[in-house]
C-alpha atoms as a PDB file:
ATOM      1  CA  UNK A   1       6.865  -1.381 -18.016  1.00  0.00           C
ATOM      2  CA  UNK A   2       4.037  -0.696 -15.832  1.00  0.00           C
ATOM      3  CA  UNK A   3       2.308  -3.346 -12.767  1.00  0.00           C
ATOM      4  CA  UNK A   4      -0.284  -5.336 -14.292  1.00  0.00           C
ATOM      5  CA  UNK A   5      -2.980  -6.195 -11.842  1.00  0.00           C
ATOM      6  CA  UNK A   6      -2.116 -10.063 -11.664  1.00  0.00           C
ATOM      7  CA  UNK A   7       0.825  -8.616 -11.162  1.00  0.00           C
ATOM      8  CA  UNK A   8      -0.331  -6.652  -7.942  1.00  0.00           C
ATOM      9  CA  UNK A   9      -2.401  -9.165  -6.797  1.00  0.00           C
ATOM     10  CA  UNK A  10       0.589 -11.567  -6.637  1.00  0.00           C
ATOM     11  CA  UNK A  11       2.745  -9.085  -4.644  1.00  0.00           C
ATOM     12  CA  UNK A  12      -0.737  -8.080  -2.024  1.00  0.00           C
ATOM     13  CA  UNK A  13      -1.110 -12.714  -1.884  1.00  0.00           C
ATOM     14  CA  UNK A  14       2.845 -12.785  -0.794  1.00  0.00           C
ATOM     15  CA  UNK A  15       2.456  -9.796   1.574  1.00  0.00           C
ATOM     16  CA  UNK A  16      -0.896 -11.035   3.445  1.00  0.00           C
ATOM     17  CA  UNK A  17       1.075 -14.691   3.057  1.00  0.00           C
ATOM     18  CA  UNK A  18       3.858 -13.109   5.673  1.00  0.00           C
ATOM     19  CA  UNK A  19       1.776 -11.558   7.649  1.00  0.00           C
ATOM     20  CA  UNK A  20      -0.130 -14.661   8.444  1.00  0.00           C
ATOM     21  CA  UNK A  21       2.969 -16.481   9.093  1.00  0.00           C
ATOM     22  CA  UNK A  22       4.697 -15.085  12.196  1.00  0.00           C
ATOM     23  CA  UNK A  23       2.729 -15.215  15.696  1.00  0.00           C
ATOM     24  CA  UNK A  24       2.751 -11.522  16.329  1.00  0.00           C
ATOM     25  CA  UNK A  25       0.971 -10.995  13.085  1.00  0.00           C
ATOM     26  CA  UNK A  26      -1.603 -11.324  13.351  1.00  0.00           C
ATOM     27  CA  UNK A  27      -3.103  -8.831  14.909  1.00  0.00           C
ATOM     28  CA  UNK A  28      -1.415  -6.866  11.856  1.00  0.00           C
ATOM     29  CA  UNK A  29      -2.917  -9.091   9.231  1.00  0.00           C
ATOM     30  CA  UNK A  30      -6.775  -8.621  11.327  1.00  0.00           C
ATOM     31  CA  UNK A  31      -5.544  -4.762  11.174  1.00  0.00           C
ATOM     32  CA  UNK A  32      -4.630  -5.302   7.078  1.00  0.00           C
ATOM     33  CA  UNK A  33      -8.213  -6.899   6.105  1.00  0.00           C
ATOM     34  CA  UNK A  34     -10.182  -3.389   7.917  1.00  0.00           C
ATOM     35  CA  UNK A  35      -7.737  -1.032   5.254  1.00  0.00           C
ATOM     36  CA  UNK A  36      -7.189  -3.389   2.243  1.00  0.00           C
ATOM     37  CA  UNK A  37      -9.153  -2.843  -0.885  1.00  0.00           C
ATOM     38  CA  UNK A  38      -9.527  -3.882  -4.300  1.00  0.00           C
ATOM     39  CA  UNK A  39      -6.060  -2.626  -6.276  1.00  0.00           C
ATOM     40  CA  UNK A  40      -7.109   0.415  -7.800  1.00  0.00           C
ATOM     41  CA  UNK A  41      -5.051   3.102 -10.191  1.00  0.00           C
ATOM     42  CA  UNK A  42      -5.167   6.475  -8.609  1.00  0.00           C
ATOM     43  CA  UNK A  43      -2.782   9.785 -10.116  1.00  0.00           C
ATOM     44  CA  UNK A  44       0.694  11.036  -8.044  1.00  0.00           C
ATOM     45  CA  UNK A  45       1.402  14.314  -9.938  1.00  0.00           C
ATOM     46  CA  UNK A  46       3.337  13.687 -13.247  1.00  0.00           C
ATOM     47  CA  UNK A  47       4.352  10.309 -11.466  1.00  0.00           C
ATOM     48  CA  UNK A  48       3.475   7.136 -13.575  1.00  0.00           C
ATOM     49  CA  UNK A  49       1.626   8.806 -16.216  1.00  0.00           C
ATOM     50  CA  UNK A  50       2.449   6.156 -18.784  1.00  0.00           C
ATOM     51  CA  UNK A  51       1.434   2.985 -16.523  1.00  0.00           C
ATOM     52  CA  UNK A  52      -1.717   5.144 -15.817  1.00  0.00           C
ATOM     53  CA  UNK A  53      -0.984   6.327 -12.129  1.00  0.00           C
ATOM     54  CA  UNK A  54      -0.140   3.774  -8.905  1.00  0.00           C
ATOM     55  CA  UNK A  55      -1.746   0.731  -7.478  1.00  0.00           C
ATOM     56  CA  UNK A  56      -3.328   1.760  -4.514  1.00  0.00           C
ATOM     57  CA  UNK A  57      -4.319  -1.670  -2.011  1.00  0.00           C
ATOM     58  CA  UNK A  58      -5.886  -0.092   0.783  1.00  0.00           C
ATOM     59  CA  UNK A  59      -6.580   3.224   2.909  1.00  0.00           C
ATOM     60  CA  UNK A  60      -6.876   4.107   6.329  1.00  0.00           C
ATOM     61  CA  UNK A  61      -8.028   7.619   7.282  1.00  0.00           C
ATOM     62  CA  UNK A  62      -7.019  10.365   4.402  1.00  0.00           C
ATOM     63  CA  UNK A  63      -3.587   7.560   4.040  1.00  0.00           C
ATOM     64  CA  UNK A  64      -3.680   5.460   0.848  1.00  0.00           C
ATOM     65  CA  UNK A  65      -0.780   2.243   0.929  1.00  0.00           C
ATOM     66  CA  UNK A  66      -0.546   2.461  -2.454  1.00  0.00           C
ATOM     67  CA  UNK A  67       2.676   0.504  -4.869  1.00  0.00           C
ATOM     68  CA  UNK A  68       5.818   2.053  -6.890  1.00  0.00           C
ATOM     69  CA  UNK A  69       6.043   0.157  -9.546  1.00  0.00           C
ATOM     70  CA  UNK A  70       8.564   2.858 -10.607  1.00  0.00           C
ATOM     71  CA  UNK A  71      10.880   2.047  -7.171  1.00  0.00           C
ATOM     72  CA  UNK A  72       9.330  -1.382  -7.145  1.00  0.00           C
ATOM     73  CA  UNK A  73       8.095  -1.149  -3.439  1.00  0.00           C
ATOM     74  CA  UNK A  74       4.651  -0.199  -1.129  1.00  0.00           C
ATOM     75  CA  UNK A  75       4.262   3.216   0.734  1.00  0.00           C
ATOM     76  CA  UNK A  76       1.944   4.575   1.859  1.00  0.00           C
ATOM     77  CA  UNK A  77       1.036   8.952   1.787  1.00  0.00           C
ATOM     78  CA  UNK A  78      -2.368  11.004   2.544  1.00  0.00           C
ATOM     79  CA  UNK A  79      -4.420  12.201   0.165  1.00  0.00           C
ATOM     80  CA  UNK A  80      -7.053  14.906   0.107  1.00  0.00           C
ATOM     81  CA  UNK A  81      -8.901  13.601  -3.286  1.00  0.00           C
ATOM     82  CA  UNK A  82     -10.484  10.754  -3.411  1.00  0.00           C
ATOM     83  CA  UNK A  83      -7.986   9.199  -6.046  1.00  0.00           C
ATOM     84  CA  UNK A  84      -5.510  11.223  -6.192  1.00  0.00           C
ATOM     85  CA  UNK A  85      -2.021  10.844  -3.992  1.00  0.00           C
ATOM     86  CA  UNK A  86      -0.703  13.765  -2.594  1.00  0.00           C
ATOM     87  CA  UNK A  87       2.906  12.840  -2.155  1.00  0.00           C
ATOM     88  CA  UNK A  88       5.216  10.658  -4.103  1.00  0.00           C
ATOM     89  CA  UNK A  89       7.373   8.618  -2.113  1.00  0.00           C
ATOM     90  CA  UNK A  90      10.171   6.113  -3.439  1.00  0.00           C
ATOM     91  CA  UNK A  91      10.013   3.552  -0.177  1.00  0.00           C
ATOM     92  CA  UNK A  92      10.872  -0.837  -1.046  1.00  0.00           C
ATOM     93  CA  UNK A  93       9.063  -1.814   1.552  1.00  0.00           C
ATOM     94  CA  UNK A  94       7.674  -4.966   1.162  1.00  0.00           C
ATOM     95  CA  UNK A  95       3.384  -5.002   2.129  1.00  0.00           C
ATOM     96  CA  UNK A  96       3.534  -6.682   5.246  1.00  0.00           C
ATOM     97  CA  UNK A  97       6.296  -4.170   6.741  1.00  0.00           C
ATOM     98  CA  UNK A  98       4.407  -0.904   5.479  1.00  0.00           C
ATOM     99  CA  UNK A  99       1.052  -2.713   7.556  1.00  0.00           C
ATOM    100  CA  UNK A 100       3.577  -2.869  10.497  1.00  0.00           C
ATOM    101  CA  UNK A 101       4.995   0.453  10.222  1.00  0.00           C
ATOM    102  CA  UNK A 102       1.261   1.973   9.911  1.00  0.00           C
ATOM    103  CA  UNK A 103       0.164  -0.229  12.398  1.00  0.00           C
ATOM    104  CA  UNK A 104       2.755   0.891  14.774  1.00  0.00           C
ATOM    105  CA  UNK A 105       2.687   4.648  14.297  1.00  0.00           C
ATOM    106  CA  UNK A 106      -0.797   4.165  15.199  1.00  0.00           C
ATOM    107  CA  UNK A 107      -0.394   2.486  18.178  1.00  0.00           C
ATOM    108  CA  UNK A 108       2.102   5.580  19.269  1.00  0.00           C
ATOM    109  CA  UNK A 109      -0.819   8.116  18.019  1.00  0.00           C
ATOM    110  CA  UNK A 110      -3.248   6.430  20.892  1.00  0.00           C
END
C-alpha cells in the first residue's frame, strides 16, 4: 500500500523528535529545519508508480531527501529536474539517520 500524507507526517515527527533528543544532534535539527519541505510526491523512473511516486521531505542543493515506502526507509538521491529523482535508492534509514549522514558528508566536503 502506498504511504499516506498522514503516515509520512508521523515519520517526520518521529525523526524530528530523535534529532531534538540528543545534545549533539541539535545542530542537525537546525540543518533539518533549513532543508525540510512540505512532503510532496516525485517520480523515480518506473519505481513507485502505483503510489504516485515517493514522498520528498527535504531538498539540499540538487539532492532530495525522500522516503521509499517500498523498502521502508529514507534516502538521499540527486535530481536534475524538479519532481523527478535521478536514482532509485533502497536504504532503510530513519529520518534522523539520513540527516546525520547528509550533514556529515557536507562537513567532509568543506
